[in-house]
Amino acid sequence: MYLMGYDILLCLIGSFKFSIKNISLIPFFFSLYGYFSAWSNRDKKIVSNNLSKFVRSYRYKNMFKKVINKDY
């Protein structure tokens, strides 16, 4: 997730969602470990800074859309 330009909040939300789908906390911790490991090693991201900004804004926009458009 770090290599794709996600920030820590997107990493937490994505990891949590993935863990819920798998009904296990292990993927959550592995995802966080991978994110912080890549961050601390200063691994080179696979996307440019402009694309990172776009990816983050796109993901946040879609998350807010899903939260706002929930029918209860």
PDB file of N, CA and C in Angstrom:
ATOM      1  N   MET A   1       0.819  -1.186   0.000  1.00  0.00           N
ATOM      2  CA  MET A   1       0.000   0.000   0.000  1.00  0.00           C
ATOM      3  C   MET A   1       0.866   1.255   0.000  1.00  0.00           C
ATOM      4  N   TYR A   2       1.994   1.191   0.674  1.00  0.00           N
ATOM      5  CA  TYR A   2       2.909   2.329   0.665  1.00  0.00           C
ATOM      6  C   TYR A   2       3.429   2.564  -0.742  1.00  0.00           C
ATOM      7  N   LEU A   3       3.730   1.498  -1.447  1.00  0.00           N
ATOM      8  CA  LEU A   3       4.285   1.619  -2.793  1.00  0.00           C
ATOM      9  C   LEU A   3       3.285   2.207  -3.782  1.00  0.00           C
ATOM     10  N   MET A   4       1.999   2.084  -3.477  1.00  0.00           N
ATOM     11  CA  MET A   4       0.959   2.645  -4.332  1.00  0.00           C
ATOM     12  C   MET A   4       0.616   4.083  -3.962  1.00  0.00           C
ATOM     13  N   GLY A   5       1.252   4.619  -2.924  1.00  0.00           N
ATOM     14  CA  GLY A   5       1.041   6.008  -2.561  1.00  0.00           C
ATOM     15  C   GLY A   5      -0.044   6.238  -1.538  1.00  0.00           C
ATOM     16  N   TYR A   6      -0.528   5.167  -0.899  1.00  0.00           N
ATOM     17  CA  TYR A   6      -1.563   5.336   0.129  1.00  0.00           C
ATOM     18  C   TYR A   6      -0.969   6.031   1.343  1.00  0.00           C
ATOM     19  N   ASP A   7      -1.806   6.766   2.060  1.00  0.00           N
ATOM     20  CA  ASP A   7      -1.366   7.312   3.336  1.00  0.00           C
ATOM     21  C   ASP A   7      -1.770   6.330   4.434  1.00  0.00           C
ATOM     22  N   ILE A   8      -1.411   6.647   5.676  1.00  0.00           N
ATOM     23  CA  ILE A   8      -1.627   5.698   6.769  1.00  0.00           C
ATOM     24  C   ILE A   8      -3.116   5.435   7.016  1.00  0.00           C
ATOM     25  N   LEU A   9      -3.956   6.453   6.855  1.00  0.00           N
ATOM     26  CA  LEU A   9      -5.390   6.254   7.073  1.00  0.00           C
ATOM     27  C   LEU A   9      -5.974   5.291   6.050  1.00  0.00           C
ATOM     28  N   LEU A  10      -5.614   5.453   4.792  1.00  0.00           N
ATOM     29  CA  LEU A  10      -6.089   4.521   3.770  1.00  0.00           C
ATOM     30  C   LEU A  10      -5.573   3.113   4.029  1.00  0.00           C
ATOM     31  N   CYS A  11      -4.347   3.017   4.508  1.00  0.00           N
ATOM     32  CA  CYS A  11      -3.782   1.715   4.832  1.00  0.00           C
ATOM     33  C   CYS A  11      -4.575   1.047   5.948  1.00  0.00           C
ATOM     34  N   LEU A  12      -4.878   1.796   6.988  1.00  0.00           N
ATOM     35  CA  LEU A  12      -5.641   1.248   8.113  1.00  0.00           C
ATOM     36  C   LEU A  12      -7.030   0.797   7.668  1.00  0.00           C
ATOM     37  N   ILE A  13      -7.710   1.631   6.913  1.00  0.00           N
ATOM     38  CA  ILE A  13      -9.069   1.295   6.467  1.00  0.00           C
ATOM     39  C   ILE A  13      -9.047   0.091   5.534  1.00  0.00           C
ATOM     40  N   GLY A  14      -8.138   0.088   4.577  1.00  0.00           N
ATOM     41  CA  GLY A  14      -8.047  -1.036   3.645  1.00  0.00           C
ATOM     42  C   GLY A  14      -7.664  -2.338   4.327  1.00  0.00           C
ATOM     43  N   SER A  15      -6.742  -2.257   5.273  1.00  0.00           N
ATOM     44  CA  SER A  15      -6.321  -3.455   6.003  1.00  0.00           C
ATOM     45  C   SER A  15      -7.451  -3.998   6.858  1.00  0.00           C
ATOM     46  N   PHE A  16      -8.178  -3.088   7.503  1.00  0.00           N
ATOM     47  CA  PHE A  16      -9.303  -3.499   8.339  1.00  0.00           C
ATOM     48  C   PHE A  16     -10.396  -4.155   7.496  1.00  0.00           C
ATOM     49  N   LYS A  17     -10.710  -3.551   6.353  1.00  0.00           N
ATOM     50  CA  LYS A  17     -11.727  -4.106   5.462  1.00  0.00           C
ATOM     51  C   LYS A  17     -11.319  -5.489   4.952  1.00  0.00           C
ATOM     52  N   PHE A  18     -10.058  -5.626   4.581  1.00  0.00           N
ATOM     53  CA  PHE A  18      -9.559  -6.914   4.110  1.00  0.00           C
ATOM     54  C   PHE A  18      -9.631  -7.970   5.210  1.00  0.00           C
ATOM     55  N   SER A  19      -9.323  -7.577   6.444  1.00  0.00           N
ATOM     56  CA  SER A  19      -9.378  -8.509   7.573  1.00  0.00           C
ATOM     57  C   SER A  19     -10.799  -8.957   7.860  1.00  0.00           C
ATOM     58  N   ILE A  20     -11.744  -8.037   7.732  1.00  0.00           N
ATOM     59  CA  ILE A  20     -13.146  -8.396   7.957  1.00  0.00           C
ATOM     60  C   ILE A  20     -13.610  -9.396   6.908  1.00  0.00           C
ATOM     61  N   LYS A  21     -13.226  -9.169   5.659  1.00  0.00           N
ATOM     62  CA  LYS A  21     -13.614 -10.100   4.595  1.00  0.00           C
ATOM     63  C   LYS A  21     -13.043 -11.496   4.835  1.00  0.00           C
ATOM     64  N   ASN A  22     -11.822 -11.557   5.374  1.00  0.00           N
ATOM     65  CA  ASN A  22     -11.177 -12.849   5.626  1.00  0.00           C
ATOM     66  C   ASN A  22     -11.477 -13.406   7.011  1.00  0.00           C
ATOM     67  N   ILE A  23     -12.218 -12.671   7.809  1.00  0.00           N
ATOM     68  CA  ILE A  23     -12.584 -13.057   9.164  1.00  0.00           C
ATOM     69  C   ILE A  23     -11.341 -13.454   9.967  1.00  0.00           C
ATOM     70  N   SER A  24     -10.320 -12.607   9.897  1.00  0.00           N
ATOM     71  CA  SER A  24      -9.079 -12.853  10.613  1.00  0.00           C
ATOM     72  C   SER A  24      -8.340 -11.538  10.797  1.00  0.00           C
ATOM     73  N   LEU A  25      -7.666 -11.383  11.915  1.00  0.00           N
ATOM     74  CA  LEU A  25      -6.877 -10.181  12.162  1.00  0.00           C
ATOM     75  C   LEU A  25      -5.460 -10.284  11.610  1.00  0.00           C
ATOM     76  N   ILE A  26      -5.050 -11.467  11.228  1.00  0.00           N
ATOM     77  CA  ILE A  26      -3.685 -11.667  10.735  1.00  0.00           C
ATOM     78  C   ILE A  26      -3.396 -10.813   9.499  1.00  0.00           C
ATOM     79  N   PRO A  27      -4.295 -10.759   8.500  1.00  0.00           N
ATOM     80  CA  PRO A  27      -4.005  -9.894   7.339  1.00  0.00           C
ATOM     81  C   PRO A  27      -3.876  -8.417   7.722  1.00  0.00           C
ATOM     82  N   PHE A  28      -4.610  -7.980   8.729  1.00  0.00           N
ATOM     83  CA  PHE A  28      -4.525  -6.597   9.188  1.00  0.00           C
ATOM     84  C   PHE A  28      -3.113  -6.279   9.657  1.00  0.00           C
ATOM     85  N   PHE A  29      -2.579  -7.141  10.503  1.00  0.00           N
ATOM     86  CA  PHE A  29      -1.239  -6.897  11.036  1.00  0.00           C
ATOM     87  C   PHE A  29      -0.153  -7.060   9.978  1.00  0.00           C
ATOM     88  N   PHE A  30      -0.323  -8.015   9.069  1.00  0.00           N
ATOM     89  CA  PHE A  30       0.647  -8.177   7.984  1.00  0.00           C
ATOM     90  C   PHE A  30       0.653  -6.958   7.058  1.00  0.00           C
ATOM     91  N   SER A  31      -0.522  -6.421   6.778  1.00  0.00           N
ATOM     92  CA  SER A  31      -0.598  -5.234   5.926  1.00  0.00           C
ATOM     93  C   SER A  31       0.082  -4.041   6.588  1.00  0.00           C
ATOM     94  N   LEU A  32      -0.187  -3.850   7.869  1.00  0.00           N
ATOM     95  CA  LEU A  32       0.448  -2.745   8.586  1.00  0.00           C
ATOM     96  C   LEU A  32       1.957  -2.940   8.671  1.00  0.00           C
ATOM     97  N   TYR A  33       2.374  -4.157   8.906  1.00  0.00           N
ATOM     98  CA  TYR A  33       3.806  -4.439   8.958  1.00  0.00           C
ATOM     99  C   TYR A  33       4.464  -4.121   7.610  1.00  0.00           C
ATOM    100  N   GLY A  34       3.832  -4.543   6.525  1.00  0.00           N
ATOM    101  CA  GLY A  34       4.370  -4.277   5.193  1.00  0.00           C
ATOM    102  C   GLY A  34       4.425  -2.791   4.890  1.00  0.00           C
ATOM    103  N   TYR A  35       3.390  -2.061   5.280  1.00  0.00           N
ATOM    104  CA  TYR A  35       3.365  -0.621   5.031  1.00  0.00           C
ATOM    105  C   TYR A  35       4.494   0.069   5.778  1.00  0.00           C
ATOM    106  N   PHE A  36       4.612  -0.203   7.083  1.00  0.00           N
ATOM    107  CA  PHE A  36       5.633   0.477   7.874  1.00  0.00           C
ATOM    108  C   PHE A  36       7.041   0.001   7.536  1.00  0.00           C
ATOM    109  N   SER A  37       7.156  -1.234   7.112  1.00  0.00           N
ATOM    110  CA  SER A  37       8.457  -1.741   6.687  1.00  0.00           C
ATOM    111  C   SER A  37       8.922  -1.002   5.428  1.00  0.00           C
ATOM    112  N   ALA A  38       8.045  -0.863   4.457  1.00  0.00           N
ATOM    113  CA  ALA A  38       8.390  -0.139   3.229  1.00  0.00           C
ATOM    114  C   ALA A  38       8.647   1.332   3.525  1.00  0.00           C
ATOM    115  N   TRP A  39       7.859   1.908   4.426  1.00  0.00           N
ATOM    116  CA  TRP A  39       8.037   3.315   4.791  1.00  0.00           C
ATOM    117  C   TRP A  39       9.377   3.545   5.484  1.00  0.00           C
ATOM    118  N   SER A  40       9.722   2.658   6.419  1.00  0.00           N
ATOM    119  CA  SER A  40      10.970   2.848   7.164  1.00  0.00           C
ATOM    120  C   SER A  40      12.198   2.584   6.292  1.00  0.00           C
ATOM    121  N   ASN A  41      12.069   1.685   5.317  1.00  0.00           N
ATOM    122  CA  ASN A  41      13.178   1.407   4.398  1.00  0.00           C
ATOM    123  C   ASN A  41      13.263   2.430   3.274  1.00  0.00           C
ATOM    124  N   ARG A  42      12.287   3.328   3.220  1.00  0.00           N
ATOM    125  CA  ARG A  42      12.220   4.340   2.159  1.00  0.00           C
ATOM    126  C   ARG A  42      12.231   3.686   0.777  1.00  0.00           C
ATOM    127  N   ASP A  43      11.442   2.600   0.665  1.00  0.00           N
ATOM    128  CA  ASP A  43      11.337   1.925  -0.630  1.00  0.00           C
ATOM    129  C   ASP A  43      10.785   2.882  -1.674  1.00  0.00           C
ATOM    130  N   LYS A  44      11.240   2.714  -2.889  1.00  0.00           N
ATOM    131  CA  LYS A  44      10.786   3.580  -3.971  1.00  0.00           C
ATOM    132  C   LYS A  44       9.354   3.208  -4.350  1.00  0.00           C
ATOM    133  N   LYS A  45       8.507   4.214  -4.408  1.00  0.00           N
ATOM    134  CA  LYS A  45       7.112   3.978  -4.788  1.00  0.00           C
ATOM    135  C   LYS A  45       7.037   3.638  -6.263  1.00  0.00           C
ATOM    136  N   ILE A  46       6.027   2.853  -6.621  1.00  0.00           N
ATOM    137  CA  ILE A  46       5.892   2.429  -8.015  1.00  0.00           C
ATOM    138  C   ILE A  46       5.057   3.411  -8.828  1.00  0.00           C
ATOM    139  N   VAL A  47       4.571   4.471  -8.172  1.00  0.00           N
ATOM    140  CA  VAL A  47       3.802   5.497  -8.866  1.00  0.00           C
ATOM    141  C   VAL A  47       4.442   6.859  -8.614  1.00  0.00           C
ATOM    142  N   SER A  48       4.184   7.806  -9.488  1.00  0.00           N
ATOM    143  CA  SER A  48       4.725   9.155  -9.325  1.00  0.00           C
ATOM    144  C   SER A  48       3.949   9.897  -8.233  1.00  0.00           C
ATOM    145  N   ASN A  49       4.456  11.036  -7.813  1.00  0.00           N
ATOM    146  CA  ASN A  49       3.779  11.822  -6.789  1.00  0.00           C
ATOM    147  C   ASN A  49       2.408  12.299  -7.252  1.00  0.00           C
ATOM    148  N   ASN A  50       2.308  12.695  -8.508  1.00  0.00           N
ATOM    149  CA  ASN A  50       1.013  13.139  -9.033  1.00  0.00           C
ATOM    150  C   ASN A  50       0.010  11.993  -9.052  1.00  0.00           C
ATOM    151  N   LEU A  51       0.449  10.813  -9.439  1.00  0.00           N
ATOM    152  CA  LEU A  51      -0.444   9.664  -9.459  1.00  0.00           C
ATOM    153  C   LEU A  51      -0.816   9.248  -8.036  1.00  0.00           C
ATOM    154  N   SER A  52       0.116   9.379  -7.094  1.00  0.00           N
ATOM    155  CA  SER A  52      -0.187   9.082  -5.693  1.00  0.00           C
ATOM    156  C   SER A  52      -1.299   9.978  -5.167  1.00  0.00           C
ATOM    157  N   LYS A  53      -1.212  11.256  -5.479  1.00  0.00           N
ATOM    158  CA  LYS A  53      -2.259  12.197  -5.059  1.00  0.00           C
ATOM    159  C   LYS A  53      -3.593  11.838  -5.673  1.00  0.00           C
ATOM    160  N   PHE A  54      -3.566  11.471  -6.949  1.00  0.00           N
ATOM    161  CA  PHE A  54      -4.802  11.081  -7.619  1.00  0.00           C
ATOM    162  C   PHE A  54      -5.401   9.830  -6.986  1.00  0.00           C
ATOM    163  N   VAL A  55      -4.574   8.830  -6.726  1.00  0.00           N
ATOM    164  CA  VAL A  55      -5.054   7.575  -6.134  1.00  0.00           C
ATOM    165  C   VAL A  55      -5.687   7.841  -4.773  1.00  0.00           C
ATOM    166  N   ARG A  56      -5.017   8.635  -3.938  1.00  0.00           N
ATOM    167  CA  ARG A  56      -5.566   8.946  -2.614  1.00  0.00           C
ATOM    168  C   ARG A  56      -6.897   9.688  -2.717  1.00  0.00           C
ATOM    169  N   SER A  57      -6.953  10.704  -3.564  1.00  0.00           N
ATOM    170  CA  SER A  57      -8.204  11.465  -3.676  1.00  0.00           C
ATOM    171  C   SER A  57      -9.322  10.593  -4.248  1.00  0.00           C
ATOM    172  N   TYR A  58      -8.987   9.738  -5.192  1.00  0.00           N
ATOM    173  CA  TYR A  58      -9.980   8.836  -5.785  1.00  0.00           C
ATOM    174  C   TYR A  58     -10.528   7.866  -4.741  1.00  0.00           C
ATOM    175  N   ARG A  59      -9.639   7.287  -3.946  1.00  0.00           N
ATOM    176  CA  ARG A  59     -10.061   6.331  -2.913  1.00  0.00           C
ATOM    177  C   ARG A  59     -10.914   7.007  -1.841  1.00  0.00           C
ATOM    178  N   TYR A  60     -10.492   8.189  -1.384  1.00  0.00           N
ATOM    179  CA  TYR A  60     -11.273   8.916  -0.381  1.00  0.00           C
ATOM    180  C   TYR A  60     -12.642   9.315  -0.932  1.00  0.00           C
ATOM    181  N   LYS A  61     -12.667   9.800  -2.168  1.00  0.00           N
ATOM    182  CA  LYS A  61     -13.936  10.220  -2.774  1.00  0.00           C
ATOM    183  C   LYS A  61     -14.908   9.046  -2.841  1.00  0.00           C
ATOM    184  N   ASN A  62     -14.431   7.882  -3.254  1.00  0.00           N
ATOM    185  CA  ASN A  62     -15.300   6.711  -3.344  1.00  0.00           C
ATOM    186  C   ASN A  62     -15.734   6.209  -1.976  1.00  0.00           C
ATOM    187  N   MET A  63     -14.847   6.316  -0.976  1.00  0.00           N
ATOM    188  CA  MET A  63     -15.242   5.912   0.379  1.00  0.00           C
ATOM    189  C   MET A  63     -16.354   6.803   0.908  1.00  0.00           C
ATOM    190  N   PHE A  64     -16.179   8.109   0.752  1.00  0.00           N
ATOM    191  CA  PHE A  64     -17.199   9.039   1.247  1.00  0.00           C
ATOM    192  C   PHE A  64     -18.517   8.859   0.507  1.00  0.00           C
ATOM    193  N   LYS A  65     -18.438   8.563  -0.776  1.00  0.00           N
ATOM    194  CA  LYS A  65     -19.646   8.312  -1.554  1.00  0.00           C
ATOM    195  C   LYS A  65     -20.399   7.112  -0.987  1.00  0.00           C
ATOM    196  N   LYS A  66     -19.680   6.051  -0.668  1.00  0.00           N
ATOM    197  CA  LYS A  66     -20.329   4.854  -0.132  1.00  0.00           C
ATOM    198  C   LYS A  66     -20.921   5.102   1.243  1.00  0.00           C
ATOM    199  N   VAL A  67     -20.241   5.881   2.054  1.00  0.00           N
ATOM    200  CA  VAL A  67     -20.734   6.169   3.405  1.00  0.00           C
ATOM    201  C   VAL A  67     -21.978   7.059   3.343  1.00  0.00           C
ATOM    202  N   ILE A  68     -21.946   8.067   2.489  1.00  0.00           N
ATOM    203  CA  ILE A  68     -23.052   9.011   2.401  1.00  0.00           C
ATOM    204  C   ILE A  68     -24.285   8.379   1.753  1.00  0.00           C
ATOM    205  N   ASN A  69     -24.109   7.519   0.773  1.00  0.00           N
ATOM    206  CA  ASN A  69     -25.214   6.944   0.031  1.00  0.00           C
ATOM    207  C   ASN A  69     -25.771   5.668   0.640  1.00  0.00           C
ATOM    208  N   LYS A  70     -25.438   5.371   1.882  1.00  0.00           N
ATOM    209  CA  LYS A  70     -25.971   4.172   2.542  1.00  0.00           C
ATOM    210  C   LYS A  70     -27.463   4.348   2.783  1.00  0.00           C
ATOM    211  N   ASP A  71     -28.231   3.342   2.439  1.00  0.00           N
ATOM    212  CA  ASP A  71     -29.665   3.351   2.731  1.00  0.00           C
ATOM    213  C   ASP A  71     -29.913   2.512   3.968  1.00  0.00           C
ATOM    214  N   TYR A  72     -30.478   3.146   4.986  1.00  0.00           N
ATOM    215  CA  TYR A  72     -30.732   2.435   6.235  1.00  0.00           C
ATOM    216  C   TYR A  72     -32.181   2.158   6.390  1.00  0.00           C
TER     217      TYR A  72
END
